[in-house]
Amino acid sequence: MIRSTLKVFLIMATFVSLTVSLSAQNLSGPHYNLNIIGVDKTKTATMTNSDRHTIFVGLGGKDGATVSSTIWLRPGFDFQVCDGNGFDAAYDCNGVPFKNQGATFQLPCNTYLTYSADLGCPTDVAQRSYVVWARALGKPGGSASMMTCATDTTTMEQLCSTDNVLTLKRGTGKSVWQDATSELTSLEADVNGDGVLDTVALFADGLTDFFWQYDNQGLKHAQIRFYPLVP
């Protein structure tokens, strides 16, 4: 009994320690590193090898222009770039094209967040508790924003988290990490039409075609880290 209690205490202490260190900008511990690279020229290679950690998107920024790219999301326990080319047809994690354009990233439904009633993680998709941190890298100048979107399977209306957007800007000085857990692993939208925003889990029932909309105004390098809280 004493050993079991001690084991539970150690697990809880590890969880608290990890959360504190992350919030203090001292990111450490096992994680998956994703790089989103903005480029001027269209990429033509099919980037579907499973060991990738990089996604290429449009750069934008010239004359203040914004270039929007789509990063489709697929459920899976492991974090994985299934298709790193945001300029050609989107391939799923089995190498099968499923959309006309976009990159593809696999990640689990996030049990770390609290969701509105009946809009949490479905039982039939991979689940994991984790936090997400992001920063803008490279030379000063340029910015980008990311928001989660999906399609309502009943109305076929596209819903996006316009009030829950991750904004990345590369200023002068040291690059700063920011918590991106809510923005990148949930959808904030009025799902039932009552005028109140709901917090919806990735891959929640009633929605399909989840993706990140990446709007770039000259940011060449965004880095995103996924830190599992439970192995």
C-alpha atoms as a PDB file:
ATOM      1  CA  MET A   1       0.000   0.000   0.000  1.00  0.00           C
ATOM      2  CA  ILE A   2       2.871   2.356   0.908  1.00  0.00           C
ATOM      3  CA  ARG A   3       4.649   1.590  -2.372  1.00  0.00           C
ATOM      4  CA  SER A   4       1.465   2.268  -4.391  1.00  0.00           C
ATOM      5  CA  THR A   5       0.900   5.585  -2.604  1.00  0.00           C
ATOM      6  CA  LEU A   6       4.528   6.578  -3.185  1.00  0.00           C
ATOM      7  CA  LYS A   7       4.261   5.695  -6.870  1.00  0.00           C
ATOM      8  CA  VAL A   8       1.140   7.860  -7.284  1.00  0.00           C
ATOM      9  CA  PHE A   9       2.869  10.717  -5.442  1.00  0.00           C
ATOM     10  CA  LEU A  10       5.919  10.518  -7.704  1.00  0.00           C
ATOM     11  CA  ILE A  11       3.761  10.546 -10.843  1.00  0.00           C
ATOM     12  CA  MET A  12       1.854  13.596  -9.583  1.00  0.00           C
ATOM     13  CA  ALA A  13       5.087  15.358  -8.630  1.00  0.00           C
ATOM     14  CA  THR A  14       6.532  14.706 -12.072  1.00  0.00           C
ATOM     15  CA  PHE A  15       3.383  16.111 -13.705  1.00  0.00           C
ATOM     16  CA  VAL A  16       3.504  19.285 -11.570  1.00  0.00           C
ATOM     17  CA  SER A  17       7.241  19.719 -12.139  1.00  0.00           C
ATOM     18  CA  LEU A  18       6.847  19.414 -15.913  1.00  0.00           C
ATOM     19  CA  THR A  19       3.949  21.886 -15.985  1.00  0.00           C
ATOM     20  CA  VAL A  20       5.864  24.440 -13.913  1.00  0.00           C
ATOM     21  CA  SER A  21       9.056  24.143 -15.964  1.00  0.00           C
ATOM     22  CA  LEU A  22       7.108  24.586 -19.192  1.00  0.00           C
ATOM     23  CA  SER A  23       5.262  27.651 -17.954  1.00  0.00           C
ATOM     24  CA  ALA A  24       8.559  29.143 -16.814  1.00  0.00           C
ATOM     25  CA  GLN A  25       9.939  29.042 -20.385  1.00  0.00           C
ATOM     26  CA  ASN A  26      12.423  26.331 -19.386  1.00  0.00           C
ATOM     27  CA  LEU A  27      11.197  23.755 -21.863  1.00  0.00           C
ATOM     28  CA  SER A  28      12.698  20.351 -21.248  1.00  0.00           C
ATOM     29  CA  GLY A  29      11.810  16.696 -21.400  1.00  0.00           C
ATOM     30  CA  PRO A  30      10.632  14.392 -24.216  1.00  0.00           C
ATOM     31  CA  HIS A  31       8.776  16.178 -26.987  1.00  0.00           C
ATOM     32  CA  TYR A  32       8.006  16.205 -30.702  1.00  0.00           C
ATOM     33  CA  ASN A  33       9.463  19.121 -32.638  1.00  0.00           C
ATOM     34  CA  LEU A  34       7.613  20.488 -35.689  1.00  0.00           C
ATOM     35  CA  ASN A  35       9.093  23.152 -37.969  1.00  0.00           C
ATOM     36  CA  ILE A  36       6.884  25.153 -40.331  1.00  0.00           C
ATOM     37  CA  ILE A  37       9.000  26.790 -43.024  1.00  0.00           C
ATOM     38  CA  GLY A  38       7.724  29.647 -45.196  1.00  0.00           C
ATOM     39  CA  VAL A  39       9.111  29.698 -48.739  1.00  0.00           C
ATOM     40  CA  ASP A  40       8.659  31.921 -51.802  1.00  0.00           C
ATOM     41  CA  LYS A  41       8.727  29.170 -54.394  1.00  0.00           C
ATOM     42  CA  THR A  42       6.337  26.260 -54.678  1.00  0.00           C
ATOM     43  CA  LYS A  43       7.692  22.883 -53.589  1.00  0.00           C
ATOM     44  CA  THR A  44       7.150  20.042 -56.057  1.00  0.00           C
ATOM     45  CA  ALA A  45       8.533  17.010 -54.202  1.00  0.00           C
ATOM     46  CA  THR A  46       6.133  14.581 -52.551  1.00  0.00           C
ATOM     47  CA  MET A  47       7.180  14.812 -48.906  1.00  0.00           C
ATOM     48  CA  THR A  48       5.501  11.805 -47.379  1.00  0.00           C
ATOM     49  CA  ASN A  49       8.359   9.988 -45.646  1.00  0.00           C
ATOM     50  CA  SER A  50       7.363   9.281 -42.040  1.00  0.00           C
ATOM     51  CA  ASP A  51      10.521  10.628 -40.353  1.00  0.00           C
ATOM     52  CA  ARG A  52       9.877  14.239 -41.393  1.00  0.00           C
ATOM     53  CA  HIS A  53       9.626  17.044 -38.844  1.00  0.00           C
ATOM     54  CA  THR A  54       9.141  19.876 -41.362  1.00  0.00           C
ATOM     55  CA  ILE A  55       6.183  21.333 -43.253  1.00  0.00           C
ATOM     56  CA  PHE A  56       6.619  23.858 -46.087  1.00  0.00           C
ATOM     57  CA  VAL A  57       4.040  26.619 -46.576  1.00  0.00           C
ATOM     58  CA  GLY A  58       3.748  29.875 -48.537  1.00  0.00           C
ATOM     59  CA  LEU A  59       5.835  32.786 -47.234  1.00  0.00           C
ATOM     60  CA  GLY A  60       3.872  35.927 -48.066  1.00  0.00           C
ATOM     61  CA  GLY A  61       4.957  39.260 -46.681  1.00  0.00           C
ATOM     62  CA  LYS A  62       5.641  41.092 -49.934  1.00  0.00           C
ATOM     63  CA  ASP A  63       3.760  44.408 -49.955  1.00  0.00           C
ATOM     64  CA  GLY A  64       2.026  43.190 -46.799  1.00  0.00           C
ATOM     65  CA  ALA A  65       0.397  40.261 -48.565  1.00  0.00           C
ATOM     66  CA  THR A  66      -0.877  37.303 -46.531  1.00  0.00           C
ATOM     67  CA  VAL A  67      -0.560  33.789 -47.939  1.00  0.00           C
ATOM     68  CA  SER A  68      -2.867  31.141 -46.458  1.00  0.00           C
ATOM     69  CA  SER A  69      -1.863  27.481 -46.321  1.00  0.00           C
ATOM     70  CA  THR A  70      -3.784  24.449 -45.092  1.00  0.00           C
ATOM     71  CA  ILE A  71      -2.349  21.824 -42.747  1.00  0.00           C
ATOM     72  CA  TRP A  72      -4.844  18.951 -42.559  1.00  0.00           C
ATOM     73  CA  LEU A  73      -5.068  17.079 -39.243  1.00  0.00           C
ATOM     74  CA  ARG A  74      -5.380  13.335 -38.847  1.00  0.00           C
ATOM     75  CA  PRO A  75      -5.883  11.388 -35.580  1.00  0.00           C
ATOM     76  CA  GLY A  76      -3.128   9.115 -34.292  1.00  0.00           C
ATOM     77  CA  PHE A  77      -1.303   8.418 -31.026  1.00  0.00           C
ATOM     78  CA  ASP A  78       2.085   9.499 -32.370  1.00  0.00           C
ATOM     79  CA  PHE A  79       2.909  12.993 -33.606  1.00  0.00           C
ATOM     80  CA  GLN A  80       3.908  12.722 -37.256  1.00  0.00           C
ATOM     81  CA  VAL A  81       4.255  14.780 -40.428  1.00  0.00           C
ATOM     82  CA  CYS A  82       2.386  12.652 -42.963  1.00  0.00           C
ATOM     83  CA  ASP A  83       2.815  15.136 -45.834  1.00  0.00           C
ATOM     84  CA  GLY A  84       5.258  18.035 -45.550  1.00  0.00           C
ATOM     85  CA  ASN A  85       4.364  19.798 -48.811  1.00  0.00           C
ATOM     86  CA  GLY A  86       1.660  22.426 -48.437  1.00  0.00           C
ATOM     87  CA  PHE A  87       1.642  23.260 -52.158  1.00  0.00           C
ATOM     88  CA  ASP A  88       0.418  20.073 -53.836  1.00  0.00           C
ATOM     89  CA  ALA A  89      -2.208  17.393 -53.137  1.00  0.00           C
ATOM     90  CA  ALA A  90      -2.556  16.414 -49.481  1.00  0.00           C
ATOM     91  CA  TYR A  91      -1.638  12.811 -48.644  1.00  0.00           C
ATOM     92  CA  ASP A  92      -2.848  10.951 -45.573  1.00  0.00           C
ATOM     93  CA  CYS A  93      -0.564   8.939 -43.307  1.00  0.00           C
ATOM     94  CA  ASN A  94      -0.908   5.884 -45.571  1.00  0.00           C
ATOM     95  CA  GLY A  95       0.358   7.802 -48.597  1.00  0.00           C
ATOM     96  CA  VAL A  96      -3.082   8.174 -50.183  1.00  0.00           C
ATOM     97  CA  PRO A  97      -4.100  11.603 -51.581  1.00  0.00           C
ATOM     98  CA  PHE A  98      -7.360  12.863 -50.041  1.00  0.00           C
ATOM     99  CA  LYS A  99      -7.482  16.638 -50.678  1.00  0.00           C
ATOM    100  CA  ASN A 100      -6.496  18.818 -53.634  1.00  0.00           C
ATOM    101  CA  GLN A 101      -3.946  20.827 -51.683  1.00  0.00           C
ATOM    102  CA  GLY A 102      -2.278  21.058 -48.298  1.00  0.00           C
ATOM    103  CA  ALA A 103       0.133  19.404 -45.898  1.00  0.00           C
ATOM    104  CA  THR A 104      -0.938  16.746 -43.349  1.00  0.00           C
ATOM    105  CA  PHE A 105      -0.049  16.330 -39.673  1.00  0.00           C
ATOM    106  CA  GLN A 106      -1.031  13.498 -37.331  1.00  0.00           C
ATOM    107  CA  LEU A 107      -1.697  14.077 -33.635  1.00  0.00           C
ATOM    108  CA  PRO A 108      -3.924  12.633 -30.878  1.00  0.00           C
ATOM    109  CA  CYS A 109      -7.034  14.202 -29.422  1.00  0.00           C
ATOM    110  CA  ASN A 110      -5.878  16.188 -26.392  1.00  0.00           C
ATOM    111  CA  THR A 111      -7.360  15.101 -23.047  1.00  0.00           C
ATOM    112  CA  TYR A 112      -5.471  17.877 -21.221  1.00  0.00           C
ATOM    113  CA  LEU A 113      -8.124  20.462 -22.122  1.00  0.00           C
ATOM    114  CA  THR A 114     -11.683  20.800 -20.828  1.00  0.00           C
ATOM    115  CA  TYR A 115     -14.413  20.727 -23.480  1.00  0.00           C
ATOM    116  CA  SER A 116     -18.063  21.672 -23.737  1.00  0.00           C
ATOM    117  CA  ALA A 117     -20.617  18.924 -23.053  1.00  0.00           C
ATOM    118  CA  ASP A 118     -20.608  16.075 -25.613  1.00  0.00           C
ATOM    119  CA  LEU A 119     -17.819  17.791 -27.601  1.00  0.00           C
ATOM    120  CA  GLY A 120     -14.811  16.050 -26.072  1.00  0.00           C
ATOM    121  CA  CYS A 121     -12.512  13.370 -27.458  1.00  0.00           C
ATOM    122  CA  PRO A 122     -14.427  10.531 -29.178  1.00  0.00           C
ATOM    123  CA  THR A 123     -13.756   7.064 -27.809  1.00  0.00           C
ATOM    124  CA  ASP A 124     -12.764   5.738 -31.232  1.00  0.00           C
ATOM    125  CA  VAL A 125      -9.786   8.068 -31.838  1.00  0.00           C
ATOM    126  CA  ALA A 126      -6.313   8.122 -30.299  1.00  0.00           C
ATOM    127  CA  GLN A 127      -6.122  10.216 -27.126  1.00  0.00           C
ATOM    128  CA  ARG A 128      -3.273  11.694 -25.138  1.00  0.00           C
ATOM    129  CA  SER A 129      -2.660  14.421 -22.570  1.00  0.00           C
ATOM    130  CA  TYR A 130      -0.138  16.995 -23.789  1.00  0.00           C
ATOM    131  CA  VAL A 131       0.708  20.678 -23.997  1.00  0.00           C
ATOM    132  CA  VAL A 132       1.874  22.653 -27.023  1.00  0.00           C
ATOM    133  CA  TRP A 133       4.364  25.528 -27.175  1.00  0.00           C
ATOM    134  CA  ALA A 134       5.292  27.664 -30.175  1.00  0.00           C
ATOM    135  CA  ARG A 135       7.746  30.400 -31.154  1.00  0.00           C
ATOM    136  CA  ALA A 136       8.819  32.437 -34.169  1.00  0.00           C
ATOM    137  CA  LEU A 137      12.447  31.957 -35.260  1.00  0.00           C
ATOM    138  CA  GLY A 138      14.789  33.444 -37.860  1.00  0.00           C
ATOM    139  CA  LYS A 139      15.714  37.042 -38.549  1.00  0.00           C
ATOM    140  CA  PRO A 140      13.518  39.775 -37.016  1.00  0.00           C
ATOM    141  CA  GLY A 141      10.480  40.640 -39.097  1.00  0.00           C
ATOM    142  CA  GLY A 142       7.542  38.638 -40.366  1.00  0.00           C
ATOM    143  CA  SER A 143       4.531  37.190 -38.603  1.00  0.00           C
ATOM    144  CA  ALA A 144       2.034  34.376 -38.956  1.00  0.00           C
ATOM    145  CA  SER A 145      -1.192  33.221 -37.357  1.00  0.00           C
ATOM    146  CA  MET A 146      -2.725  29.774 -36.917  1.00  0.00           C
ATOM    147  CA  MET A 147      -6.265  28.707 -36.092  1.00  0.00           C
ATOM    148  CA  THR A 148      -8.106  25.422 -35.997  1.00  0.00           C
ATOM    149  CA  CYS A 149     -10.997  24.822 -38.403  1.00  0.00           C
ATOM    150  CA  ALA A 150     -13.416  21.987 -39.227  1.00  0.00           C
ATOM    151  CA  THR A 151     -16.619  21.295 -41.153  1.00  0.00           C
ATOM    152  CA  ASP A 152     -19.995  20.650 -39.537  1.00  0.00           C
ATOM    153  CA  THR A 153     -21.213  17.310 -40.922  1.00  0.00           C
ATOM    154  CA  THR A 154     -24.887  18.381 -40.720  1.00  0.00           C
ATOM    155  CA  THR A 155     -24.802  21.865 -42.233  1.00  0.00           C
ATOM    156  CA  MET A 156     -21.502  21.436 -44.143  1.00  0.00           C
ATOM    157  CA  GLU A 157     -20.566  24.860 -42.776  1.00  0.00           C
ATOM    158  CA  GLN A 158     -16.883  25.515 -42.173  1.00  0.00           C
ATOM    159  CA  LEU A 159     -16.155  26.604 -38.595  1.00  0.00           C
ATOM    160  CA  CYS A 160     -12.916  28.312 -37.508  1.00  0.00           C
ATOM    161  CA  SER A 161     -11.573  29.516 -34.168  1.00  0.00           C
ATOM    162  CA  THR A 162     -11.556  33.187 -35.088  1.00  0.00           C
ATOM    163  CA  ASP A 163     -11.544  34.157 -31.380  1.00  0.00           C
ATOM    164  CA  ASN A 164      -8.826  31.664 -30.427  1.00  0.00           C
ATOM    165  CA  VAL A 165      -5.927  32.380 -32.780  1.00  0.00           C
ATOM    166  CA  LEU A 166      -2.216  31.756 -32.275  1.00  0.00           C
ATOM    167  CA  THR A 167      -0.202  34.808 -33.385  1.00  0.00           C
ATOM    168  CA  LEU A 168       3.528  34.441 -34.001  1.00  0.00           C
ATOM    169  CA  LYS A 169       5.747  37.459 -34.588  1.00  0.00           C
ATOM    170  CA  ARG A 170       9.534  37.549 -34.851  1.00  0.00           C
ATOM    171  CA  GLY A 171      10.659  40.680 -33.097  1.00  0.00           C
ATOM    172  CA  THR A 172      14.127  41.713 -32.041  1.00  0.00           C
ATOM    173  CA  GLY A 173      15.937  39.963 -29.226  1.00  0.00           C
ATOM    174  CA  LYS A 174      15.513  36.425 -27.980  1.00  0.00           C
ATOM    175  CA  SER A 175      12.699  34.345 -29.411  1.00  0.00           C
ATOM    176  CA  VAL A 176       9.956  33.766 -26.837  1.00  0.00           C
ATOM    177  CA  TRP A 177       7.890  30.609 -26.395  1.00  0.00           C
ATOM    178  CA  GLN A 178       4.128  30.912 -25.982  1.00  0.00           C
ATOM    179  CA  ASP A 179       1.511  28.422 -24.896  1.00  0.00           C
ATOM    180  CA  ALA A 180      -0.372  27.237 -27.991  1.00  0.00           C
ATOM    181  CA  THR A 181      -2.264  24.297 -26.467  1.00  0.00           C
ATOM    182  CA  SER A 182      -5.774  25.699 -26.743  1.00  0.00           C
ATOM    183  CA  GLU A 183      -5.288  27.332 -30.144  1.00  0.00           C
ATOM    184  CA  LEU A 184      -3.858  24.229 -31.851  1.00  0.00           C
ATOM    185  CA  THR A 185      -5.692  21.358 -30.152  1.00  0.00           C
ATOM    186  CA  SER A 186      -9.245  22.686 -29.805  1.00  0.00           C
ATOM    187  CA  LEU A 187     -11.857  24.509 -31.851  1.00  0.00           C
ATOM    188  CA  GLU A 188     -13.725  27.509 -30.422  1.00  0.00           C
ATOM    189  CA  ALA A 189     -17.004  27.882 -32.335  1.00  0.00           C
ATOM    190  CA  ASP A 190     -20.772  28.204 -31.904  1.00  0.00           C
ATOM    191  CA  VAL A 191     -21.536  24.617 -32.817  1.00  0.00           C
ATOM    192  CA  ASN A 192     -25.201  24.469 -31.729  1.00  0.00           C
ATOM    193  CA  GLY A 193     -26.178  27.968 -32.889  1.00  0.00           C
ATOM    194  CA  ASP A 194     -27.096  29.349 -29.464  1.00  0.00           C
ATOM    195  CA  GLY A 195     -24.764  32.339 -29.775  1.00  0.00           C
ATOM    196  CA  VAL A 196     -22.271  30.941 -27.249  1.00  0.00           C
ATOM    197  CA  LEU A 197     -18.822  29.685 -28.235  1.00  0.00           C
ATOM    198  CA  ASP A 198     -18.201  25.998 -27.509  1.00  0.00           C
ATOM    199  CA  THR A 199     -14.805  24.447 -26.810  1.00  0.00           C
ATOM    200  CA  VAL A 200     -14.572  21.461 -29.151  1.00  0.00           C
ATOM    201  CA  ALA A 201     -11.955  18.705 -29.138  1.00  0.00           C
ATOM    202  CA  LEU A 202      -9.979  17.763 -32.213  1.00  0.00           C
ATOM    203  CA  PHE A 203     -11.855  15.050 -34.138  1.00  0.00           C
ATOM    204  CA  ALA A 204     -15.036  15.527 -32.062  1.00  0.00           C
ATOM    205  CA  ASP A 205     -18.200  13.817 -33.281  1.00  0.00           C
ATOM    206  CA  GLY A 206     -20.312  15.909 -35.654  1.00  0.00           C
ATOM    207  CA  LEU A 207     -17.320  17.575 -37.284  1.00  0.00           C
ATOM    208  CA  THR A 208     -14.952  16.488 -40.038  1.00  0.00           C
ATOM    209  CA  ASP A 209     -11.984  17.745 -42.072  1.00  0.00           C
ATOM    210  CA  PHE A 210     -10.068  19.324 -39.202  1.00  0.00           C
ATOM    211  CA  PHE A 211      -7.177  21.552 -40.249  1.00  0.00           C
ATOM    212  CA  TRP A 212      -4.928  24.409 -39.195  1.00  0.00           C
ATOM    213  CA  GLN A 213      -5.204  27.528 -41.305  1.00  0.00           C
ATOM    214  CA  TYR A 214      -1.733  29.056 -41.466  1.00  0.00           C
ATOM    215  CA  ASP A 215      -1.772  32.713 -42.548  1.00  0.00           C
ATOM    216  CA  ASN A 216       1.751  33.918 -43.263  1.00  0.00           C
ATOM    217  CA  GLN A 217       3.054  37.460 -43.607  1.00  0.00           C
ATOM    218  CA  GLY A 218       6.738  36.813 -44.125  1.00  0.00           C
ATOM    219  CA  LEU A 219       7.591  34.500 -41.205  1.00  0.00           C
ATOM    220  CA  LYS A 220      10.230  32.069 -42.439  1.00  0.00           C
ATOM    221  CA  HIS A 221      10.336  29.696 -39.489  1.00  0.00           C
ATOM    222  CA  ALA A 222       7.775  28.752 -36.858  1.00  0.00           C
ATOM    223  CA  GLN A 223       8.660  26.044 -34.349  1.00  0.00           C
ATOM    224  CA  ILE A 224       6.040  24.047 -32.449  1.00  0.00           C
ATOM    225  CA  ARG A 225       6.726  21.538 -29.681  1.00  0.00           C
ATOM    226  CA  PHE A 226       4.342  18.889 -28.350  1.00  0.00           C
ATOM    227  CA  TYR A 227       5.059  17.736 -24.785  1.00  0.00           C
ATOM    228  CA  PRO A 228       3.197  14.585 -23.669  1.00  0.00           C
ATOM    229  CA  LEU A 229       2.244  14.740 -19.990  1.00  0.00           C
ATOM    230  CA  VAL A 230       1.570  11.018 -19.876  1.00  0.00           C
ATOM    231  CA  PRO A 231       3.898   8.619 -21.798  1.00  0.00           C
END
